[in-house]
């Protein structure tokens, strides 16, 4: 889903509740909305080269998430990926 150029991922993504991998690299995303918590089967989330400065708690609470990649985002040093 490259080149969407959204501030946040599209709402329609959250309707695919059995989604296991999601790559949203290079999309100028700055916000990870609460609705992403509906992706209960998500195992891998890749968000490289966006504008994300904080990772909300609901992302860390995804029950099957094993790989979260946030390279080249303006995150504070305290956020580990």
C-alpha atoms as a PDB file:
ATOM      1  CA  UNK A   1       0.000   0.000   0.000  1.00  0.00           C
ATOM      2  CA  UNK A   2       2.812   2.388  -0.789  1.00  0.00           C
ATOM      3  CA  UNK A   3       2.135   5.954  -1.813  1.00  0.00           C
ATOM      4  CA  UNK A   4      -1.226   6.350  -0.095  1.00  0.00           C
ATOM      5  CA  UNK A   5      -0.044   9.659   1.359  1.00  0.00           C
ATOM      6  CA  UNK A   6      -2.406   9.602   4.327  1.00  0.00           C
ATOM      7  CA  UNK A   7      -1.922  11.083   7.753  1.00  0.00           C
ATOM      8  CA  UNK A   8      -3.280   7.820   9.111  1.00  0.00           C
ATOM      9  CA  UNK A   9      -4.017   4.406   7.572  1.00  0.00           C
ATOM     10  CA  UNK A  10      -7.353   4.160   5.717  1.00  0.00           C
ATOM     11  CA  UNK A  11     -10.407   2.997   7.696  1.00  0.00           C
ATOM     12  CA  UNK A  12     -11.000   0.153   5.247  1.00  0.00           C
ATOM     13  CA  UNK A  13      -7.868  -1.651   6.444  1.00  0.00           C
ATOM     14  CA  UNK A  14      -9.466  -2.338   9.793  1.00  0.00           C
ATOM     15  CA  UNK A  15     -12.306  -4.252   8.159  1.00  0.00           C
ATOM     16  CA  UNK A  16      -9.829  -6.956   7.149  1.00  0.00           C
ATOM     17  CA  UNK A  17      -9.703  -8.440  10.627  1.00  0.00           C
ATOM     18  CA  UNK A  18      -7.795 -11.579   9.577  1.00  0.00           C
ATOM     19  CA  UNK A  19      -4.914  -9.533   8.151  1.00  0.00           C
ATOM     20  CA  UNK A  20      -1.551 -10.919   9.320  1.00  0.00           C
ATOM     21  CA  UNK A  21       1.006  -8.673   7.605  1.00  0.00           C
ATOM     22  CA  UNK A  22       0.747  -4.983   6.825  1.00  0.00           C
ATOM     23  CA  UNK A  23       3.377  -2.823   5.148  1.00  0.00           C
ATOM     24  CA  UNK A  24       2.705   0.906   5.174  1.00  0.00           C
ATOM     25  CA  UNK A  25       6.204   2.162   4.378  1.00  0.00           C
ATOM     26  CA  UNK A  26       6.626   5.584   2.711  1.00  0.00           C
ATOM     27  CA  UNK A  27       3.106   6.900   3.282  1.00  0.00           C
ATOM     28  CA  UNK A  28       3.578  10.088   5.319  1.00  0.00           C
ATOM     29  CA  UNK A  29       1.566   8.504   8.151  1.00  0.00           C
ATOM     30  CA  UNK A  30       1.776  10.504  11.362  1.00  0.00           C
ATOM     31  CA  UNK A  31      -1.065   8.959  13.403  1.00  0.00           C
ATOM     32  CA  UNK A  32      -1.829   5.330  14.294  1.00  0.00           C
ATOM     33  CA  UNK A  33      -5.547   5.425  15.110  1.00  0.00           C
ATOM     34  CA  UNK A  34      -7.332   3.324  17.740  1.00  0.00           C
ATOM     35  CA  UNK A  35      -9.210   1.451  15.024  1.00  0.00           C
ATOM     36  CA  UNK A  36      -6.033  -0.499  14.248  1.00  0.00           C
ATOM     37  CA  UNK A  37      -6.706  -2.439  17.451  1.00  0.00           C
ATOM     38  CA  UNK A  38      -9.342  -4.372  15.438  1.00  0.00           C
ATOM     39  CA  UNK A  39      -6.505  -6.180  13.623  1.00  0.00           C
ATOM     40  CA  UNK A  40      -6.335  -8.999  16.172  1.00  0.00           C
ATOM     41  CA  UNK A  41      -4.517 -11.402  13.792  1.00  0.00           C
ATOM     42  CA  UNK A  42      -1.796  -8.916  12.801  1.00  0.00           C
ATOM     43  CA  UNK A  43       1.661 -10.441  13.251  1.00  0.00           C
ATOM     44  CA  UNK A  44       3.850  -7.996  11.348  1.00  0.00           C
ATOM     45  CA  UNK A  45       3.452  -4.227  11.017  1.00  0.00           C
ATOM     46  CA  UNK A  46       5.985  -2.271   8.989  1.00  0.00           C
ATOM     47  CA  UNK A  47       5.841   1.518   9.132  1.00  0.00           C
ATOM     48  CA  UNK A  48       9.253   2.623   7.904  1.00  0.00           C
ATOM     49  CA  UNK A  49       9.849   6.106   6.494  1.00  0.00           C
ATOM     50  CA  UNK A  50       6.723   7.796   7.785  1.00  0.00           C
ATOM     51  CA  UNK A  51       6.110  10.732  10.145  1.00  0.00           C
ATOM     52  CA  UNK A  52       5.253   8.753  13.284  1.00  0.00           C
ATOM     53  CA  UNK A  53       6.485  10.444  16.454  1.00  0.00           C
ATOM     54  CA  UNK A  54       4.632   8.313  19.023  1.00  0.00           C
ATOM     55  CA  UNK A  55       3.431   4.726  19.141  1.00  0.00           C
ATOM     56  CA  UNK A  56       0.141   4.419  20.997  1.00  0.00           C
ATOM     57  CA  UNK A  57      -0.377   1.703  23.578  1.00  0.00           C
ATOM     58  CA  UNK A  58      -3.044  -0.083  21.505  1.00  0.00           C
ATOM     59  CA  UNK A  59      -0.371  -1.048  18.967  1.00  0.00           C
ATOM     60  CA  UNK A  60       1.673  -2.808  21.641  1.00  0.00           C
ATOM     61  CA  UNK A  61      -1.482  -4.566  22.843  1.00  0.00           C
ATOM     62  CA  UNK A  62      -2.205  -6.316  19.538  1.00  0.00           C
ATOM     63  CA  UNK A  63      -2.268  -9.927  20.749  1.00  0.00           C
ATOM     64  CA  UNK A  64      -0.341 -11.578  17.906  1.00  0.00           C
ATOM     65  CA  UNK A  65       1.989  -8.760  16.874  1.00  0.00           C
ATOM     66  CA  UNK A  66       5.542 -10.096  16.809  1.00  0.00           C
ATOM     67  CA  UNK A  67       7.330  -7.675  14.511  1.00  0.00           C
ATOM     68  CA  UNK A  68       6.895  -3.893  14.576  1.00  0.00           C
ATOM     69  CA  UNK A  69       9.298  -1.973  12.339  1.00  0.00           C
ATOM     70  CA  UNK A  70       9.477   1.813  12.597  1.00  0.00           C
ATOM     71  CA  UNK A  71      12.784   2.733  10.953  1.00  0.00           C
ATOM     72  CA  UNK A  72      13.259   6.335   9.824  1.00  0.00           C
ATOM     73  CA  UNK A  73      10.426   7.908  11.785  1.00  0.00           C
ATOM     74  CA  UNK A  74      10.845  10.934  14.087  1.00  0.00           C
ATOM     75  CA  UNK A  75      10.517   8.837  17.247  1.00  0.00           C
ATOM     76  CA  UNK A  76      12.194   9.828  20.511  1.00  0.00           C
ATOM     77  CA  UNK A  77      15.233   7.724  21.482  1.00  0.00           C
ATOM     78  CA  UNK A  78      13.256   6.001  24.258  1.00  0.00           C
ATOM     79  CA  UNK A  79      11.106   4.132  21.720  1.00  0.00           C
ATOM     80  CA  UNK A  80      12.699   0.843  20.759  1.00  0.00           C
ATOM     81  CA  UNK A  81      11.695  -1.086  17.696  1.00  0.00           C
END
